[in-house]
């Protein structure tokens, strides 16, 4: 989820920074080529994940079986390979390629004049595409996880270790579609709000600040004298980035409340079953508010005796 938010934030900043600043700018060749750099960021995040898996499991390295050690090492090596391949192929797609890159570019140039970077991205995304297909087609996924075939276990060995508990136990397809639709709508609203309310309105002021001359600040510790006023830009964008990564909890609370209320209304749960009962509750709210929350001025506290002592309440 965090990796997805980082990639989405990068793509939205690139689109908002384009001359038009609208979402339709993604169909422009230059903007689309810049948005494709999110795969380089994804390769770096995968490299960081593979490195952390080795570092955090270092003390337990001796207790791991040989297949688990090989899996961690191969993931680390593959992550390094993609971290090198994707930037090199991207640079060859926007500059005049030379050497071996030029040879491969000319060799595959007949296939609809696509750059080698597009083929590298397609190959990089191939495991994720298969994972999405297995996620959608639950019977196939359930059959593969329950299978003890060596070929199947070898194919699943790269994505996850062998499961012994809750293997092949999933909800039905209808429940999965409901759950997936819930999160898709939530993420669409969250990303749309982040783009139109948080990111896009800051692009214009950021450009103005970057092209202004460097000023002399009294609190230079907070606004360092950097080129293009990068200290001021960082100060402006820092709270926006924090809100962007944390407001998913707010959207989840809103969507869960709406879905829970609608589901409860259709299931006829709770005391309020009709609109008449709902209106009667609104009529009783002022009375209940005055009875329980409004203090009674001028009233003497009541006293009661217990064990020879008097208590005021």
Protein backbone atom coordinates (compact mmCIF):
# COMPACT_ATOMS: atom_id res chain seq x y z
CA UNK A 1 0.00 0.00 0.00
CA UNK A 2 2.81 2.42 0.85
CA UNK A 3 4.61 1.62 -2.40
CA UNK A 4 1.39 2.24 -4.33
CA UNK A 5 0.92 5.61 -2.63
CA UNK A 6 4.51 6.62 -3.48
CA UNK A 7 4.08 5.70 -7.15
CA UNK A 8 0.68 7.41 -7.35
CA UNK A 9 2.09 10.56 -5.75
CA UNK A 10 4.94 10.66 -8.26
CA UNK A 11 2.56 10.23 -11.20
CA UNK A 12 0.16 12.92 -9.94
CA UNK A 13 2.99 15.41 -9.38
CA UNK A 14 4.27 14.81 -12.93
CA UNK A 15 0.79 15.29 -14.42
CA UNK A 16 0.08 18.39 -12.32
CA UNK A 17 3.46 19.86 -13.33
CA UNK A 18 2.64 19.53 -17.03
CA UNK A 19 1.70 22.69 -18.98
CA UNK A 20 -2.03 21.90 -19.00
CA UNK A 21 -2.16 20.49 -15.48
CA UNK A 22 -5.22 18.32 -16.21
CA UNK A 23 -5.52 14.56 -16.00
CA UNK A 24 -5.94 14.38 -19.77
CA UNK A 25 -2.31 15.48 -20.08
CA UNK A 26 -1.26 11.89 -19.42
CA UNK A 27 -2.15 11.10 -23.05
CA UNK A 28 0.49 13.54 -24.25
CA UNK A 29 3.65 11.68 -25.36
CA UNK A 30 6.07 13.74 -23.26
CA UNK A 31 3.97 13.55 -20.10
CA UNK A 32 3.30 9.83 -20.56
CA UNK A 33 7.02 9.19 -20.99
CA UNK A 34 7.71 11.03 -17.74
CA UNK A 35 4.95 9.14 -15.91
CA UNK A 36 6.57 5.88 -17.00
CA UNK A 37 9.42 6.66 -14.61
CA UNK A 38 7.26 5.28 -11.80
CA UNK A 39 8.51 1.82 -12.76
CA UNK A 40 12.06 2.91 -12.01
CA UNK A 41 10.85 4.04 -8.60
CA UNK A 42 9.08 0.69 -8.18
CA UNK A 43 12.33 -1.12 -8.97
CA UNK A 44 14.11 0.94 -6.32
CA UNK A 45 11.39 0.13 -3.77
CA UNK A 46 11.67 -3.58 -4.59
CA UNK A 47 15.43 -3.35 -4.11
CA UNK A 48 14.87 -1.65 -0.77
CA UNK A 49 12.40 -4.36 0.26
CA UNK A 50 14.77 -7.18 -0.73
CA UNK A 51 17.58 -5.49 1.20
CA UNK A 52 15.43 -5.08 4.31
CA UNK A 53 14.35 -8.73 4.15
CA UNK A 54 17.98 -9.82 4.32
CA UNK A 55 18.95 -7.29 6.99
CA UNK A 56 15.99 -7.93 9.29
CA UNK A 57 16.34 -11.72 8.97
CA UNK A 58 20.09 -11.71 9.43
CA UNK A 59 20.04 -13.05 13.00
CA UNK A 60 17.66 -15.82 11.95
CA UNK A 61 19.66 -16.60 8.82
CA UNK A 62 21.12 -19.83 10.24
CA UNK A 63 17.69 -21.18 11.13
CA UNK A 64 16.40 -20.75 7.57
CA UNK A 65 16.33 -23.68 5.19
CA UNK A 66 18.41 -23.63 2.03
CA UNK A 67 15.43 -22.83 -0.23
CA UNK A 68 14.53 -19.76 1.85
CA UNK A 69 18.12 -18.48 1.76
CA UNK A 70 18.25 -18.97 -1.99
CA UNK A 71 14.94 -17.16 -2.37
CA UNK A 72 16.18 -14.08 -0.45
CA UNK A 73 19.48 -14.00 -2.35
CA UNK A 74 17.84 -14.40 -5.77
CA UNK A 75 15.29 -11.68 -4.99
CA UNK A 76 18.13 -9.37 -4.04
CA UNK A 77 20.06 -10.14 -7.24
CA UNK A 78 16.97 -9.74 -9.44
CA UNK A 79 16.12 -6.42 -7.72
CA UNK A 80 19.64 -5.15 -8.48
CA UNK A 81 19.26 -6.28 -12.09
CA UNK A 82 15.98 -4.42 -12.60
CA UNK A 83 17.40 -1.38 -10.83
CA UNK A 84 20.09 -1.27 -13.52
CA UNK A 85 18.05 -2.36 -16.54
CA UNK A 86 15.11 0.02 -16.22
CA UNK A 87 17.09 3.29 -15.88
CA UNK A 88 19.42 2.30 -18.72
CA UNK A 89 16.58 1.39 -21.07
CA UNK A 90 14.66 4.54 -20.11
CA UNK A 91 17.66 6.73 -20.87
CA UNK A 92 18.05 4.96 -24.21
CA UNK A 93 14.43 5.73 -25.08
CA UNK A 94 14.86 9.48 -24.69
CA UNK A 95 18.41 9.92 -25.90
CA UNK A 96 20.45 8.72 -28.86
CA UNK A 97 21.35 5.15 -27.90
CA UNK A 98 24.85 3.83 -28.46
CA UNK A 99 26.67 0.53 -28.21
CA UNK A 100 24.74 -2.56 -27.14
CA UNK A 101 21.61 -0.53 -26.32
CA UNK A 102 21.53 0.76 -29.90
CA UNK A 103 21.82 -2.81 -31.21
CA UNK A 104 18.84 -4.02 -29.18
CA UNK A 105 16.84 -0.89 -30.03
CA UNK A 106 17.38 -1.47 -33.76
CA UNK A 107 16.66 -5.19 -33.39
CA UNK A 108 13.21 -4.66 -31.83
CA UNK A 109 12.48 -1.38 -33.60
CA UNK A 110 10.24 -3.09 -36.15
CA UNK A 111 7.67 -4.02 -33.53
CA UNK A 112 5.45 -0.94 -33.86
CA UNK A 113 8.47 1.32 -33.24
CA UNK A 114 8.29 0.78 -29.48
CA UNK A 115 11.33 1.54 -27.33
CA UNK A 116 13.12 -1.18 -25.45
CA UNK A 117 11.98 0.44 -22.19
CA UNK A 118 8.35 -0.49 -22.92
CA UNK A 119 9.33 -4.14 -23.39
CA UNK A 120 11.37 -4.06 -20.19
CA UNK A 121 8.40 -2.62 -18.30
CA UNK A 122 6.09 -5.29 -19.73
CA UNK A 123 8.50 -8.02 -18.65
CA UNK A 124 8.89 -6.39 -15.24
CA UNK A 125 5.12 -6.27 -14.73
CA UNK A 126 4.51 -9.85 -15.89
CA UNK A 127 4.57 -11.43 -12.37
CA UNK A 128 2.18 -8.76 -11.08
CA UNK A 129 -0.18 -9.43 -13.99
CA UNK A 130 -0.25 -13.15 -13.18
CA UNK A 131 -0.84 -12.35 -9.49
CA UNK A 132 -3.80 -10.13 -10.42
CA UNK A 133 -5.27 -12.89 -12.60
CA UNK A 134 -4.91 -15.44 -9.82
CA UNK A 135 -6.49 -12.95 -7.42
CA UNK A 136 -9.53 -12.57 -9.68
CA UNK A 137 -9.97 -16.25 -10.58
CA UNK A 138 -10.29 -17.78 -7.13
CA UNK A 139 -10.87 -21.42 -8.23
CA UNK A 140 -7.55 -21.42 -10.07
CA UNK A 141 -5.76 -19.85 -7.13
CA UNK A 142 -7.33 -22.29 -4.68
CA UNK A 143 -6.37 -25.26 -6.84
CA UNK A 144 -2.78 -24.08 -7.19
CA UNK A 145 -2.30 -23.50 -3.45
CA UNK A 146 -3.79 -26.87 -2.54
CA UNK A 147 -1.66 -28.69 -5.07
CA UNK A 148 1.42 -30.56 -3.86
CA UNK A 149 2.93 -30.88 -7.32
CA UNK A 150 6.60 -29.99 -7.50
CA UNK A 151 6.11 -27.90 -10.62
CA UNK A 152 3.33 -25.86 -9.00
CA UNK A 153 5.29 -25.48 -5.77
CA UNK A 154 8.31 -24.29 -7.77
CA UNK A 155 6.20 -21.67 -9.58
CA UNK A 156 4.71 -20.42 -6.30
CA UNK A 157 8.03 -20.59 -4.48
CA UNK A 158 9.08 -17.17 -5.76
CA UNK A 159 5.95 -15.31 -4.62
CA UNK A 160 5.29 -16.89 -1.22
CA UNK A 161 6.55 -19.66 1.05
CA UNK A 162 4.63 -22.89 1.32
CA UNK A 163 1.47 -22.53 3.37
CA UNK A 164 0.33 -25.21 5.79
CA UNK A 165 -2.40 -23.32 7.64
CA UNK A 166 -5.44 -21.79 5.85
CA UNK A 167 -4.12 -22.93 2.49
CA UNK A 168 -6.69 -22.42 -0.26
CA UNK A 169 -9.30 -20.95 2.12
CA UNK A 170 -10.86 -17.87 0.50
CA UNK A 171 -14.17 -16.12 0.44
CA UNK A 172 -16.57 -16.61 -2.44
CA UNK A 173 -16.24 -14.58 -5.63
CA UNK A 174 -19.15 -12.27 -4.81
CA UNK A 175 -17.66 -11.26 -1.46
CA UNK A 176 -14.28 -10.73 -3.09
CA UNK A 177 -15.81 -8.45 -5.73
CA UNK A 178 -17.61 -6.43 -3.03
CA UNK A 179 -14.41 -6.04 -1.04
CA UNK A 180 -12.39 -5.10 -4.13
CA UNK A 181 -15.04 -2.59 -5.27
CA UNK A 182 -15.02 -1.01 -1.81
CA UNK A 183 -11.27 -0.39 -1.93
CA UNK A 184 -11.28 0.72 -5.57
CA UNK A 185 -13.91 3.39 -4.86
CA UNK A 186 -12.08 4.44 -1.69
CA UNK A 187 -8.76 4.83 -3.49
CA UNK A 188 -10.38 6.70 -6.40
CA UNK A 189 -11.93 9.24 -4.01
CA UNK A 190 -8.72 9.52 -2.00
CA UNK A 191 -6.51 10.07 -5.08
CA UNK A 192 -8.99 12.48 -6.69
CA UNK A 193 -9.15 14.55 -3.50
CA UNK A 194 -5.36 14.50 -3.18
CA UNK A 195 -4.87 15.62 -6.77
CA UNK A 196 -7.49 18.37 -7.02
CA UNK A 197 -7.28 19.71 -3.44
CA UNK A 198 -3.72 19.03 -2.26
CA UNK A 199 -1.30 18.64 -5.18
CA UNK A 200 -2.65 20.61 -8.12
CA UNK A 201 -3.27 23.93 -6.23
CA UNK A 202 0.37 23.95 -5.00
CA UNK A 203 1.98 23.63 -8.42
CA UNK A 204 1.45 27.28 -9.41
CA UNK A 205 2.78 28.78 -6.14
CA UNK A 206 5.70 26.34 -6.21
CA UNK A 207 6.71 27.50 -9.68
CA UNK A 208 6.49 31.13 -8.58
CA UNK A 209 8.61 30.50 -5.49
CA UNK A 210 11.24 28.55 -7.43
CA UNK A 211 11.73 31.31 -10.01
CA UNK A 212 11.92 34.11 -7.43
CA UNK A 213 15.22 35.37 -6.16
CA UNK A 214 16.56 34.01 -2.93
CA UNK A 215 15.51 36.18 -0.02
CA UNK A 216 17.21 36.80 3.31
CA UNK A 217 15.34 34.97 6.05
CA UNK A 218 15.65 35.74 9.73
CA UNK A 219 15.07 32.08 10.59
CA UNK A 220 17.52 30.72 8.04
CA UNK A 221 17.59 27.41 9.94
CA UNK A 222 14.07 26.69 8.67
CA UNK A 223 14.56 28.35 5.26
CA UNK A 224 18.14 27.57 4.13
CA UNK A 225 19.72 29.51 1.28
CA UNK A 226 19.33 26.87 -1.44
CA UNK A 227 18.91 27.28 -5.15
CA UNK A 228 15.37 27.89 -6.40
CA UNK A 229 14.24 28.39 -2.78
CA UNK A 230 14.10 24.64 -2.24
CA UNK A 231 13.95 25.12 1.52
CA UNK A 232 10.70 27.07 1.21
CA UNK A 233 9.33 24.55 -1.29
CA UNK A 234 10.12 21.69 1.10
CA UNK A 235 8.42 23.56 3.97
CA UNK A 236 5.26 24.04 1.91
CA UNK A 237 5.08 20.51 0.56
CA UNK A 238 6.00 18.63 3.76
CA UNK A 239 2.56 18.88 5.46
CA UNK A 240 0.80 18.08 2.17
CA UNK A 241 2.86 14.91 1.78
CA UNK A 242 2.14 13.91 5.39
CA UNK A 243 -1.59 14.41 4.91
CA UNK A 244 -1.46 12.51 1.62
CA UNK A 245 0.02 9.42 3.27
CA UNK A 246 -2.23 9.54 6.35
CA UNK A 247 -5.70 10.56 5.14
CA UNK A 248 -6.51 7.04 3.94
CA UNK A 249 -7.69 6.28 7.49
CA UNK A 250 -10.18 9.15 7.25
CA UNK A 251 -11.51 7.93 3.91
CA UNK A 252 -11.75 4.41 5.29
CA UNK A 253 -13.76 5.66 8.28
CA UNK A 254 -16.12 7.56 5.95
CA UNK A 255 -16.63 4.66 3.55
CA UNK A 256 -17.02 2.07 6.30
CA UNK A 257 -19.62 4.26 8.00
CA UNK A 258 -21.59 4.73 4.79
CA UNK A 259 -21.39 1.07 3.80
CA UNK A 260 -22.24 -0.06 7.31
CA UNK A 261 -25.23 2.29 7.51
CA UNK A 262 -26.56 1.24 4.11
CA UNK A 263 -26.04 -2.43 4.87
CA UNK A 264 -27.72 -2.07 8.25
CA UNK A 265 -30.66 -0.17 6.75
CA UNK A 266 -31.28 -2.84 4.10
CA UNK A 267 -30.83 -5.58 6.69
CA UNK A 268 -33.26 -3.78 9.05
CA UNK A 269 -30.81 -3.72 11.94
CA UNK A 270 -31.17 -1.48 15.01
CA UNK A 271 -34.09 0.33 16.61
CA UNK A 272 -34.84 2.84 13.83
CA UNK A 273 -36.73 0.95 11.13
CA UNK A 274 -38.86 3.69 9.52
CA UNK A 275 -38.56 7.37 8.63
CA UNK A 276 -41.20 8.21 11.24
CA UNK A 277 -39.04 6.71 13.97
CA UNK A 278 -36.07 8.68 12.64
CA UNK A 279 -38.01 11.97 12.81
CA UNK A 280 -39.18 11.16 16.36
CA UNK A 281 -35.56 10.69 17.43
CA UNK A 282 -34.69 14.15 16.11
CA UNK A 283 -37.59 15.62 18.07
CA UNK A 284 -36.30 13.96 21.26
CA UNK A 285 -32.70 15.16 20.83
CA UNK A 286 -33.18 18.68 22.38
CA UNK A 287 -34.92 17.21 25.43
CA UNK A 288 -32.23 14.60 25.96
CA UNK A 289 -29.52 17.22 25.46
CA UNK A 290 -31.05 19.55 28.05
CA UNK A 291 -31.56 16.72 30.52
CA UNK A 292 -28.11 15.17 30.46
CA UNK A 293 -25.67 17.86 29.29
CA UNK A 294 -26.99 21.28 30.34
CA UNK A 295 -26.00 22.12 33.96
CA UNK A 296 -28.77 23.11 36.36
CA UNK A 297 -27.89 26.56 37.75
CA UNK A 298 -28.92 27.50 41.25
CA UNK A 299 -29.85 24.00 42.33
CA UNK A 300 -28.50 22.76 45.63
CA UNK A 301 -26.51 19.54 45.54
CA UNK A 302 -28.33 16.61 47.01
CA UNK A 303 -26.82 14.88 50.00
CA UNK A 304 -26.95 11.30 51.07
CA UNK A 305 -25.54 9.60 54.11
CA UNK A 306 -23.48 6.47 54.06
CA UNK A 307 -21.60 5.01 56.99
CA UNK A 308 -22.05 8.14 59.08
CA UNK A 309 -20.59 10.41 56.38
CA UNK A 310 -22.38 12.82 54.10
CA UNK A 311 -21.66 12.90 50.38
CA UNK A 312 -22.75 15.67 47.99
CA UNK A 313 -23.65 14.86 44.44
